ModelCIF file with pLDDT and N, C-alpha, C, O atoms, coordinates in Angstrom:
data_MODEL
#
_entry.id   MODEL 
#
_entity.id                         1 
_entity.type                       polymer 
_entity.pdbx_number_of_molecules   1 
#
_entity_poly.entity_id                      1 
_entity_poly.type                           'polypeptide(L)' 
_entity_poly.nstd_linkage                   no 
_entity_poly.nstd_monomer                   no 
_entity_poly.pdbx_seq_one_letter_code       
;(UNK)(UNK)(UNK)(UNK)(UNK)(UNK)(UNK)(UNK)(UNK)(UNK)(UNK)(UNK)(UNK)(UNK)(UNK)(UNK)
(UNK)(UNK)(UNK)(UNK)(UNK)(UNK)(UNK)(UNK)(UNK)(UNK)(UNK)(UNK)(UNK)(UNK)(UNK)(UNK)
(UNK)(UNK)(UNK)(UNK)(UNK)(UNK)(UNK)(UNK)(UNK)
;
_entity_poly.pdbx_seq_one_letter_code_can   XXXXXXXXXXXXXXXXXXXXXXXXXXXXXXXXXXXXXXXXX 
_entity_poly.pdbx_strand_id                 A 
#
loop_
_entity_poly_seq.entity_id 
_entity_poly_seq.num 
_entity_poly_seq.mon_id 
_entity_poly_seq.hetero 
1 1  UNK n 
1 2  UNK n 
1 3  UNK n 
1 4  UNK n 
1 5  UNK n 
1 6  UNK n 
1 7  UNK n 
1 8  UNK n 
1 9  UNK n 
1 10 UNK n 
1 11 UNK n 
1 12 UNK n 
1 13 UNK n 
1 14 UNK n 
1 15 UNK n 
1 16 UNK n 
1 17 UNK n 
1 18 UNK n 
1 19 UNK n 
1 20 UNK n 
1 21 UNK n 
1 22 UNK n 
1 23 UNK n 
1 24 UNK n 
1 25 UNK n 
1 26 UNK n 
1 27 UNK n 
1 28 UNK n 
1 29 UNK n 
1 30 UNK n 
1 31 UNK n 
1 32 UNK n 
1 33 UNK n 
1 34 UNK n 
1 35 UNK n 
1 36 UNK n 
1 37 UNK n 
1 38 UNK n 
1 39 UNK n 
1 40 UNK n 
1 41 UNK n 
#
_struct_asym.id          A 
_struct_asym.entity_id   1 
#
loop_
_ma_qa_metric.id 
_ma_qa_metric.mode 
_ma_qa_metric.name 
_ma_qa_metric.software_group_id 
_ma_qa_metric.type 
1 global pLDDT . pLDDT 
2 local  pLDDT . pLDDT 
#
_ma_qa_metric_global.metric_id      1 
_ma_qa_metric_global.metric_value   89.98 
_ma_qa_metric_global.model_id       1 
_ma_qa_metric_global.ordinal_id     1 
#
loop_
_ma_qa_metric_local.label_asym_id 
_ma_qa_metric_local.label_comp_id 
_ma_qa_metric_local.label_seq_id 
_ma_qa_metric_local.metric_id 
_ma_qa_metric_local.metric_value 
_ma_qa_metric_local.model_id 
_ma_qa_metric_local.ordinal_id 
A UNK 1  2 94.00 1 1  
A UNK 2  2 93.00 1 2  
A UNK 3  2 94.00 1 3  
A UNK 4  2 94.00 1 4  
A UNK 5  2 92.00 1 5  
A UNK 6  2 92.00 1 6  
A UNK 7  2 94.00 1 7  
A UNK 8  2 92.00 1 8  
A UNK 9  2 95.00 1 9  
A UNK 10 2 95.00 1 10 
A UNK 11 2 93.00 1 11 
A UNK 12 2 94.00 1 12 
A UNK 13 2 94.00 1 13 
A UNK 14 2 93.00 1 14 
A UNK 15 2 92.00 1 15 
A UNK 16 2 91.00 1 16 
A UNK 17 2 89.00 1 17 
A UNK 18 2 90.00 1 18 
A UNK 19 2 89.00 1 19 
A UNK 20 2 87.00 1 20 
A UNK 21 2 86.00 1 21 
A UNK 22 2 88.00 1 22 
A UNK 23 2 89.00 1 23 
A UNK 24 2 88.00 1 24 
A UNK 25 2 88.00 1 25 
A UNK 26 2 86.00 1 26 
A UNK 27 2 85.00 1 27 
A UNK 28 2 82.00 1 28 
A UNK 29 2 80.00 1 29 
A UNK 30 2 86.00 1 30 
A UNK 31 2 89.00 1 31 
A UNK 32 2 86.00 1 32 
A UNK 33 2 88.00 1 33 
A UNK 34 2 91.00 1 34 
A UNK 35 2 90.00 1 35 
A UNK 36 2 90.00 1 36 
A UNK 37 2 90.00 1 37 
A UNK 38 2 92.00 1 38 
A UNK 39 2 90.00 1 39 
A UNK 40 2 89.00 1 40 
A UNK 41 2 89.00 1 41 
#
loop_
_atom_site.group_PDB 
_atom_site.id 
_atom_site.type_symbol 
_atom_site.label_atom_id 
_atom_site.label_alt_id 
_atom_site.label_comp_id 
_atom_site.label_asym_id 
_atom_site.label_entity_id 
_atom_site.label_seq_id 
_atom_site.pdbx_PDB_ins_code 
_atom_site.Cartn_x 
_atom_site.Cartn_y 
_atom_site.Cartn_z 
_atom_site.occupancy 
_atom_site.B_iso_or_equiv 
_atom_site.pdbx_formal_charge 
_atom_site.auth_seq_id 
_atom_site.auth_comp_id 
_atom_site.auth_asym_id 
_atom_site.auth_atom_id 
_atom_site.pdbx_PDB_model_num 
ATOM 1   N N  . UNK A 1 1  ? 1.085   -1.098 -0.181  1.00 94.00 ? 1  UNK A N  1 
ATOM 2   C CA . UNK A 1 1  ? 0.126   0.018  -0.045  1.00 94.00 ? 1  UNK A CA 1 
ATOM 3   C C  . UNK A 1 1  ? 0.967   1.369  0.075   1.00 94.00 ? 1  UNK A C  1 
ATOM 4   O O  . UNK A 1 1  ? 0.758   2.342  -0.649  1.00 94.00 ? 1  UNK A O  1 
ATOM 5   N N  . UNK A 1 2  ? 1.812   1.327  0.937   1.00 93.00 ? 2  UNK A N  1 
ATOM 6   C CA . UNK A 1 2  ? 2.621   2.236  1.126   1.00 93.00 ? 2  UNK A CA 1 
ATOM 7   C C  . UNK A 1 2  ? 3.718   2.536  -0.423  1.00 93.00 ? 2  UNK A C  1 
ATOM 8   O O  . UNK A 1 2  ? 3.927   3.606  -0.996  1.00 93.00 ? 2  UNK A O  1 
ATOM 9   N N  . UNK A 1 3  ? 4.129   1.460  -0.677  1.00 94.00 ? 3  UNK A N  1 
ATOM 10  C CA . UNK A 1 3  ? 4.882   1.475  -2.255  1.00 94.00 ? 3  UNK A CA 1 
ATOM 11  C C  . UNK A 1 3  ? 3.868   1.987  -3.091  1.00 94.00 ? 3  UNK A C  1 
ATOM 12  O O  . UNK A 1 3  ? 4.215   3.036  -3.633  1.00 94.00 ? 3  UNK A O  1 
ATOM 13  N N  . UNK A 1 4  ? 2.908   1.662  -3.336  1.00 94.00 ? 4  UNK A N  1 
ATOM 14  C CA . UNK A 1 4  ? 1.990   2.093  -4.275  1.00 94.00 ? 4  UNK A CA 1 
ATOM 15  C C  . UNK A 1 4  ? 1.665   3.626  -4.070  1.00 94.00 ? 4  UNK A C  1 
ATOM 16  O O  . UNK A 1 4  ? 1.685   4.355  -5.061  1.00 94.00 ? 4  UNK A O  1 
ATOM 17  N N  . UNK A 1 5  ? 1.414   4.064  -3.021  1.00 92.00 ? 5  UNK A N  1 
ATOM 18  C CA . UNK A 1 5  ? 1.060   5.538  -2.737  1.00 92.00 ? 5  UNK A CA 1 
ATOM 19  C C  . UNK A 1 5  ? 2.433   6.239  -3.028  1.00 92.00 ? 5  UNK A C  1 
ATOM 20  O O  . UNK A 1 5  ? 2.446   7.456  -3.215  1.00 92.00 ? 5  UNK A O  1 
ATOM 21  N N  . UNK A 1 6  ? 3.448   5.591  -3.067  1.00 92.00 ? 6  UNK A N  1 
ATOM 22  C CA . UNK A 1 6  ? 4.690   6.599  -3.371  1.00 92.00 ? 6  UNK A CA 1 
ATOM 23  C C  . UNK A 1 6  ? 4.765   6.494  -5.000  1.00 92.00 ? 6  UNK A C  1 
ATOM 24  O O  . UNK A 1 6  ? 5.565   7.292  -5.487  1.00 92.00 ? 6  UNK A O  1 
ATOM 25  N N  . UNK A 1 7  ? 4.263   5.882  -5.680  1.00 94.00 ? 7  UNK A N  1 
ATOM 26  C CA . UNK A 1 7  ? 4.190   6.069  -7.150  1.00 94.00 ? 7  UNK A CA 1 
ATOM 27  C C  . UNK A 1 7  ? 3.691   7.105  -7.719  1.00 94.00 ? 7  UNK A C  1 
ATOM 28  O O  . UNK A 1 7  ? 2.534   7.509  -7.605  1.00 94.00 ? 7  UNK A O  1 
ATOM 29  N N  . UNK A 1 8  ? 4.857   7.730  -8.571  1.00 92.00 ? 8  UNK A N  1 
ATOM 30  C CA . UNK A 1 8  ? 4.754   9.354  -9.279  1.00 92.00 ? 8  UNK A CA 1 
ATOM 31  C C  . UNK A 1 8  ? 2.957   9.368  -9.474  1.00 92.00 ? 8  UNK A C  1 
ATOM 32  O O  . UNK A 1 8  ? 2.263   10.242 -8.955  1.00 92.00 ? 8  UNK A O  1 
ATOM 33  N N  . UNK A 1 9  ? 2.377   8.201  -10.337 1.00 95.00 ? 9  UNK A N  1 
ATOM 34  C CA . UNK A 1 9  ? 1.151   8.395  -10.897 1.00 95.00 ? 9  UNK A CA 1 
ATOM 35  C C  . UNK A 1 9  ? 0.048   8.266  -9.861  1.00 95.00 ? 9  UNK A C  1 
ATOM 36  O O  . UNK A 1 9  ? -1.125  8.205  -10.227 1.00 95.00 ? 9  UNK A O  1 
ATOM 37  N N  . UNK A 1 10 ? 0.482   8.210  -8.234  1.00 95.00 ? 10 UNK A N  1 
ATOM 38  C CA . UNK A 1 10 ? -0.370  8.367  -7.061  1.00 95.00 ? 10 UNK A CA 1 
ATOM 39  C C  . UNK A 1 10 ? -0.274  9.482  -6.405  1.00 95.00 ? 10 UNK A C  1 
ATOM 40  O O  . UNK A 1 10 ? -0.877  9.633  -5.343  1.00 95.00 ? 10 UNK A O  1 
ATOM 41  N N  . UNK A 1 11 ? 0.504   10.437 -6.941  1.00 93.00 ? 11 UNK A N  1 
ATOM 42  C CA . UNK A 1 11 ? 1.019   11.631 -6.465  1.00 93.00 ? 11 UNK A CA 1 
ATOM 43  C C  . UNK A 1 11 ? -0.184  12.423 -5.980  1.00 93.00 ? 11 UNK A C  1 
ATOM 44  O O  . UNK A 1 11 ? 0.141   13.099 -5.004  1.00 93.00 ? 11 UNK A O  1 
ATOM 45  N N  . UNK A 1 12 ? -1.540  12.588 -6.340  1.00 94.00 ? 12 UNK A N  1 
ATOM 46  C CA . UNK A 1 12 ? -2.713  13.328 -5.874  1.00 94.00 ? 12 UNK A CA 1 
ATOM 47  C C  . UNK A 1 12 ? -3.463  12.430 -4.939  1.00 94.00 ? 12 UNK A C  1 
ATOM 48  O O  . UNK A 1 12 ? -4.139  13.004 -4.085  1.00 94.00 ? 12 UNK A O  1 
ATOM 49  N N  . UNK A 1 13 ? -3.461  11.290 -4.949  1.00 94.00 ? 13 UNK A N  1 
ATOM 50  C CA . UNK A 1 13 ? -3.911  10.507 -4.002  1.00 94.00 ? 13 UNK A CA 1 
ATOM 51  C C  . UNK A 1 13 ? -3.215  10.497 -2.759  1.00 94.00 ? 13 UNK A C  1 
ATOM 52  O O  . UNK A 1 13 ? -3.838  10.525 -1.698  1.00 94.00 ? 13 UNK A O  1 
ATOM 53  N N  . UNK A 1 14 ? -1.603  10.448 -2.823  1.00 93.00 ? 14 UNK A N  1 
ATOM 54  C CA . UNK A 1 14 ? -0.759  10.856 -1.702  1.00 93.00 ? 14 UNK A CA 1 
ATOM 55  C C  . UNK A 1 14 ? -0.816  11.974 -0.937  1.00 93.00 ? 14 UNK A C  1 
ATOM 56  O O  . UNK A 1 14 ? -0.549  12.007 0.264   1.00 93.00 ? 14 UNK A O  1 
ATOM 57  N N  . UNK A 1 15 ? -1.157  12.885 -1.603  1.00 92.00 ? 15 UNK A N  1 
ATOM 58  C CA . UNK A 1 15 ? -1.458  14.356 -1.131  1.00 92.00 ? 15 UNK A CA 1 
ATOM 59  C C  . UNK A 1 15 ? -2.578  14.459 0.032   1.00 92.00 ? 15 UNK A C  1 
ATOM 60  O O  . UNK A 1 15 ? -2.622  14.894 1.183   1.00 92.00 ? 15 UNK A O  1 
ATOM 61  N N  . UNK A 1 16 ? -3.547  13.765 -0.968  1.00 91.00 ? 16 UNK A N  1 
ATOM 62  C CA . UNK A 1 16 ? -5.078  13.499 -0.245  1.00 91.00 ? 16 UNK A CA 1 
ATOM 63  C C  . UNK A 1 16 ? -5.090  13.083 1.095   1.00 91.00 ? 16 UNK A C  1 
ATOM 64  O O  . UNK A 1 16 ? -5.733  13.598 2.010   1.00 91.00 ? 16 UNK A O  1 
ATOM 65  N N  . UNK A 1 17 ? -4.215  11.961 1.161   1.00 89.00 ? 17 UNK A N  1 
ATOM 66  C CA . UNK A 1 17 ? -4.249  10.938 2.391   1.00 89.00 ? 17 UNK A CA 1 
ATOM 67  C C  . UNK A 1 17 ? -3.526  11.741 3.531   1.00 89.00 ? 17 UNK A C  1 
ATOM 68  O O  . UNK A 1 17 ? -4.036  11.906 4.639   1.00 89.00 ? 17 UNK A O  1 
ATOM 69  N N  . UNK A 1 18 ? -2.242  12.249 3.152   1.00 90.00 ? 18 UNK A N  1 
ATOM 70  C CA . UNK A 1 18 ? -1.386  12.988 3.923   1.00 90.00 ? 18 UNK A CA 1 
ATOM 71  C C  . UNK A 1 18 ? -2.206  14.420 4.593   1.00 90.00 ? 18 UNK A C  1 
ATOM 72  O O  . UNK A 1 18 ? -2.355  14.667 5.789   1.00 90.00 ? 18 UNK A O  1 
ATOM 73  N N  . UNK A 1 19 ? -2.638  15.191 3.495   1.00 89.00 ? 19 UNK A N  1 
ATOM 74  C CA . UNK A 1 19 ? -3.528  16.353 4.060   1.00 89.00 ? 19 UNK A CA 1 
ATOM 75  C C  . UNK A 1 19 ? -4.699  16.013 4.772   1.00 89.00 ? 19 UNK A C  1 
ATOM 76  O O  . UNK A 1 19 ? -5.272  16.873 5.442   1.00 89.00 ? 19 UNK A O  1 
ATOM 77  N N  . UNK A 1 20 ? -5.074  14.973 4.709   1.00 87.00 ? 20 UNK A N  1 
ATOM 78  C CA . UNK A 1 20 ? -6.096  14.632 5.612   1.00 87.00 ? 20 UNK A CA 1 
ATOM 79  C C  . UNK A 1 20 ? -5.858  14.519 7.096   1.00 87.00 ? 20 UNK A C  1 
ATOM 80  O O  . UNK A 1 20 ? -6.738  14.560 7.956   1.00 87.00 ? 20 UNK A O  1 
ATOM 81  N N  . UNK A 1 21 ? -4.266  14.338 7.340   1.00 86.00 ? 21 UNK A N  1 
ATOM 82  C CA . UNK A 1 21 ? -4.325  14.226 8.508   1.00 86.00 ? 21 UNK A CA 1 
ATOM 83  C C  . UNK A 1 21 ? -3.367  15.422 9.571   1.00 86.00 ? 21 UNK A C  1 
ATOM 84  O O  . UNK A 1 21 ? -2.651  15.431 10.572  1.00 86.00 ? 21 UNK A O  1 
ATOM 85  N N  . UNK A 1 22 ? -3.997  16.416 8.454   1.00 88.00 ? 22 UNK A N  1 
ATOM 86  C CA . UNK A 1 22 ? -3.122  17.926 8.917   1.00 88.00 ? 22 UNK A CA 1 
ATOM 87  C C  . UNK A 1 22 ? -4.699  18.872 9.235   1.00 88.00 ? 22 UNK A C  1 
ATOM 88  O O  . UNK A 1 22 ? -5.672  18.939 8.484   1.00 88.00 ? 22 UNK A O  1 
ATOM 89  N N  . UNK A 1 23 ? -4.540  19.430 10.401  1.00 89.00 ? 23 UNK A N  1 
ATOM 90  C CA . UNK A 1 23 ? -5.725  20.510 10.877  1.00 89.00 ? 23 UNK A CA 1 
ATOM 91  C C  . UNK A 1 23 ? -4.720  21.654 11.179  1.00 89.00 ? 23 UNK A C  1 
ATOM 92  O O  . UNK A 1 23 ? -3.554  21.571 11.562  1.00 89.00 ? 23 UNK A O  1 
ATOM 93  N N  . UNK A 1 24 ? -5.500  22.776 10.897  1.00 88.00 ? 24 UNK A N  1 
ATOM 94  C CA . UNK A 1 24 ? -4.855  24.288 11.125  1.00 88.00 ? 24 UNK A CA 1 
ATOM 95  C C  . UNK A 1 24 ? -5.015  24.553 12.525  1.00 88.00 ? 24 UNK A C  1 
ATOM 96  O O  . UNK A 1 24 ? -6.183  24.549 12.913  1.00 88.00 ? 24 UNK A O  1 
ATOM 97  N N  . UNK A 1 25 ? -4.218  24.759 13.288  1.00 88.00 ? 25 UNK A N  1 
ATOM 98  C CA . UNK A 1 25 ? -3.919  25.696 14.507  1.00 88.00 ? 25 UNK A CA 1 
ATOM 99  C C  . UNK A 1 25 ? -2.866  24.684 15.080  1.00 88.00 ? 25 UNK A C  1 
ATOM 100 O O  . UNK A 1 25 ? -2.354  23.777 14.425  1.00 88.00 ? 25 UNK A O  1 
ATOM 101 N N  . UNK A 1 26 ? -2.601  24.987 16.478  1.00 86.00 ? 26 UNK A N  1 
ATOM 102 C CA . UNK A 1 26 ? -1.934  24.195 17.113  1.00 86.00 ? 26 UNK A CA 1 
ATOM 103 C C  . UNK A 1 26 ? -2.534  23.475 18.405  1.00 86.00 ? 26 UNK A C  1 
ATOM 104 O O  . UNK A 1 26 ? -2.784  24.195 19.371  1.00 86.00 ? 26 UNK A O  1 
ATOM 105 N N  . UNK A 1 27 ? -2.763  22.218 18.483  1.00 85.00 ? 27 UNK A N  1 
ATOM 106 C CA . UNK A 1 27 ? -3.561  21.627 19.130  1.00 85.00 ? 27 UNK A CA 1 
ATOM 107 C C  . UNK A 1 27 ? -2.921  20.566 20.384  1.00 85.00 ? 27 UNK A C  1 
ATOM 108 O O  . UNK A 1 27 ? -2.606  19.437 20.010  1.00 85.00 ? 27 UNK A O  1 
ATOM 109 N N  . UNK A 1 28 ? -2.786  20.818 21.432  1.00 82.00 ? 28 UNK A N  1 
ATOM 110 C CA . UNK A 1 28 ? -2.046  20.131 22.510  1.00 82.00 ? 28 UNK A CA 1 
ATOM 111 C C  . UNK A 1 28 ? -3.037  19.016 23.163  1.00 82.00 ? 28 UNK A C  1 
ATOM 112 O O  . UNK A 1 28 ? -4.251  19.090 22.971  1.00 82.00 ? 28 UNK A O  1 
ATOM 113 N N  . UNK A 1 29 ? -2.601  18.240 23.748  1.00 80.00 ? 29 UNK A N  1 
ATOM 114 C CA . UNK A 1 29 ? -3.174  17.262 24.706  1.00 80.00 ? 29 UNK A CA 1 
ATOM 115 C C  . UNK A 1 29 ? -4.474  17.738 25.297  1.00 80.00 ? 29 UNK A C  1 
ATOM 116 O O  . UNK A 1 29 ? -5.623  17.348 25.089  1.00 80.00 ? 29 UNK A O  1 
ATOM 117 N N  . UNK A 1 30 ? -3.959  18.766 26.160  1.00 86.00 ? 30 UNK A N  1 
ATOM 118 C CA . UNK A 1 30 ? -4.992  19.617 27.018  1.00 86.00 ? 30 UNK A CA 1 
ATOM 119 C C  . UNK A 1 30 ? -6.220  20.095 26.215  1.00 86.00 ? 30 UNK A C  1 
ATOM 120 O O  . UNK A 1 30 ? -7.384  19.975 26.597  1.00 86.00 ? 30 UNK A O  1 
ATOM 121 N N  . UNK A 1 31 ? -5.783  20.699 24.955  1.00 89.00 ? 31 UNK A N  1 
ATOM 122 C CA . UNK A 1 31 ? -6.810  21.312 24.314  1.00 89.00 ? 31 UNK A CA 1 
ATOM 123 C C  . UNK A 1 31 ? -7.779  20.001 23.744  1.00 89.00 ? 31 UNK A C  1 
ATOM 124 O O  . UNK A 1 31 ? -8.996  20.117 23.892  1.00 89.00 ? 31 UNK A O  1 
ATOM 125 N N  . UNK A 1 32 ? -7.497  19.353 23.406  1.00 86.00 ? 32 UNK A N  1 
ATOM 126 C CA . UNK A 1 32 ? -8.059  17.989 22.801  1.00 86.00 ? 32 UNK A CA 1 
ATOM 127 C C  . UNK A 1 32 ? -9.008  17.588 23.899  1.00 86.00 ? 32 UNK A C  1 
ATOM 128 O O  . UNK A 1 32 ? -10.208 17.486 23.644  1.00 86.00 ? 32 UNK A O  1 
ATOM 129 N N  . UNK A 1 33 ? -8.536  17.353 25.115  1.00 88.00 ? 33 UNK A N  1 
ATOM 130 C CA . UNK A 1 33 ? -9.438  16.821 26.119  1.00 88.00 ? 33 UNK A CA 1 
ATOM 131 C C  . UNK A 1 33 ? -10.682 17.959 26.509  1.00 88.00 ? 33 UNK A C  1 
ATOM 132 O O  . UNK A 1 33 ? -11.777 17.645 26.975  1.00 88.00 ? 33 UNK A O  1 
ATOM 133 N N  . UNK A 1 34 ? -10.307 19.107 26.252  1.00 91.00 ? 34 UNK A N  1 
ATOM 134 C CA . UNK A 1 34 ? -11.232 20.275 26.583  1.00 91.00 ? 34 UNK A CA 1 
ATOM 135 C C  . UNK A 1 34 ? -12.111 20.039 25.823  1.00 91.00 ? 34 UNK A C  1 
ATOM 136 O O  . UNK A 1 34 ? -13.223 19.794 26.291  1.00 91.00 ? 34 UNK A O  1 
ATOM 137 N N  . UNK A 1 35 ? -11.904 20.035 24.398  1.00 90.00 ? 35 UNK A N  1 
ATOM 138 C CA . UNK A 1 35 ? -12.908 20.265 23.396  1.00 90.00 ? 35 UNK A CA 1 
ATOM 139 C C  . UNK A 1 35 ? -13.701 18.951 23.300  1.00 90.00 ? 35 UNK A C  1 
ATOM 140 O O  . UNK A 1 35 ? -14.842 19.004 22.843  1.00 90.00 ? 35 UNK A O  1 
ATOM 141 N N  . UNK A 1 36 ? -13.194 17.797 23.687  1.00 90.00 ? 36 UNK A N  1 
ATOM 142 C CA . UNK A 1 36 ? -14.044 16.618 23.609  1.00 90.00 ? 36 UNK A CA 1 
ATOM 143 C C  . UNK A 1 36 ? -14.947 16.565 25.055  1.00 90.00 ? 36 UNK A C  1 
ATOM 144 O O  . UNK A 1 36 ? -16.064 16.046 25.056  1.00 90.00 ? 36 UNK A O  1 
ATOM 145 N N  . UNK A 1 37 ? -14.471 17.034 26.034  1.00 90.00 ? 37 UNK A N  1 
ATOM 146 C CA . UNK A 1 37 ? -15.444 17.283 27.273  1.00 90.00 ? 37 UNK A CA 1 
ATOM 147 C C  . UNK A 1 37 ? -16.539 18.256 26.893  1.00 90.00 ? 37 UNK A C  1 
ATOM 148 O O  . UNK A 1 37 ? -17.705 18.061 27.237  1.00 90.00 ? 37 UNK A O  1 
ATOM 149 N N  . UNK A 1 38 ? -16.094 19.483 26.062  1.00 92.00 ? 38 UNK A N  1 
ATOM 150 C CA . UNK A 1 38 ? -16.992 20.623 25.731  1.00 92.00 ? 38 UNK A CA 1 
ATOM 151 C C  . UNK A 1 38 ? -17.967 19.737 24.766  1.00 92.00 ? 38 UNK A C  1 
ATOM 152 O O  . UNK A 1 38 ? -19.165 20.020 24.755  1.00 92.00 ? 38 UNK A O  1 
ATOM 153 N N  . UNK A 1 39 ? -17.549 18.827 24.074  1.00 90.00 ? 39 UNK A N  1 
ATOM 154 C CA . UNK A 1 39 ? -18.574 18.331 22.997  1.00 90.00 ? 39 UNK A CA 1 
ATOM 155 C C  . UNK A 1 39 ? -19.149 16.819 23.723  1.00 90.00 ? 39 UNK A C  1 
ATOM 156 O O  . UNK A 1 39 ? -19.191 15.828 22.994  1.00 90.00 ? 39 UNK A O  1 
ATOM 157 N N  . UNK A 1 40 ? -19.447 16.741 24.723  1.00 89.00 ? 40 UNK A N  1 
ATOM 158 C CA . UNK A 1 40 ? -20.029 15.561 25.183  1.00 89.00 ? 40 UNK A CA 1 
ATOM 159 C C  . UNK A 1 40 ? -19.351 14.250 25.045  1.00 89.00 ? 40 UNK A C  1 
ATOM 160 O O  . UNK A 1 40 ? -19.953 13.209 25.304  1.00 89.00 ? 40 UNK A O  1 
ATOM 161 N N  . UNK A 1 41 ? -17.938 14.267 24.588  1.00 89.00 ? 41 UNK A N  1 
ATOM 162 C CA . UNK A 1 41 ? -17.265 13.100 24.279  1.00 89.00 ? 41 UNK A CA 1 
ATOM 163 C C  . UNK A 1 41 ? -16.607 12.777 23.207  1.00 89.00 ? 41 UNK A C  1 
ATOM 164 O O  . UNK A 1 41 ? -16.069 11.673 23.122  1.00 89.00 ? 41 UNK A O  1 
#
């Protein structure tokens, strides 16, 4: 799977998969815990 994603013809898919794991802002564990609590879990 990884080797396939790294192929030049799969560049668009690779970018999409990687940027799917990036969020704007700086989020600490404390921030996440607070937001999860505020959102009822």
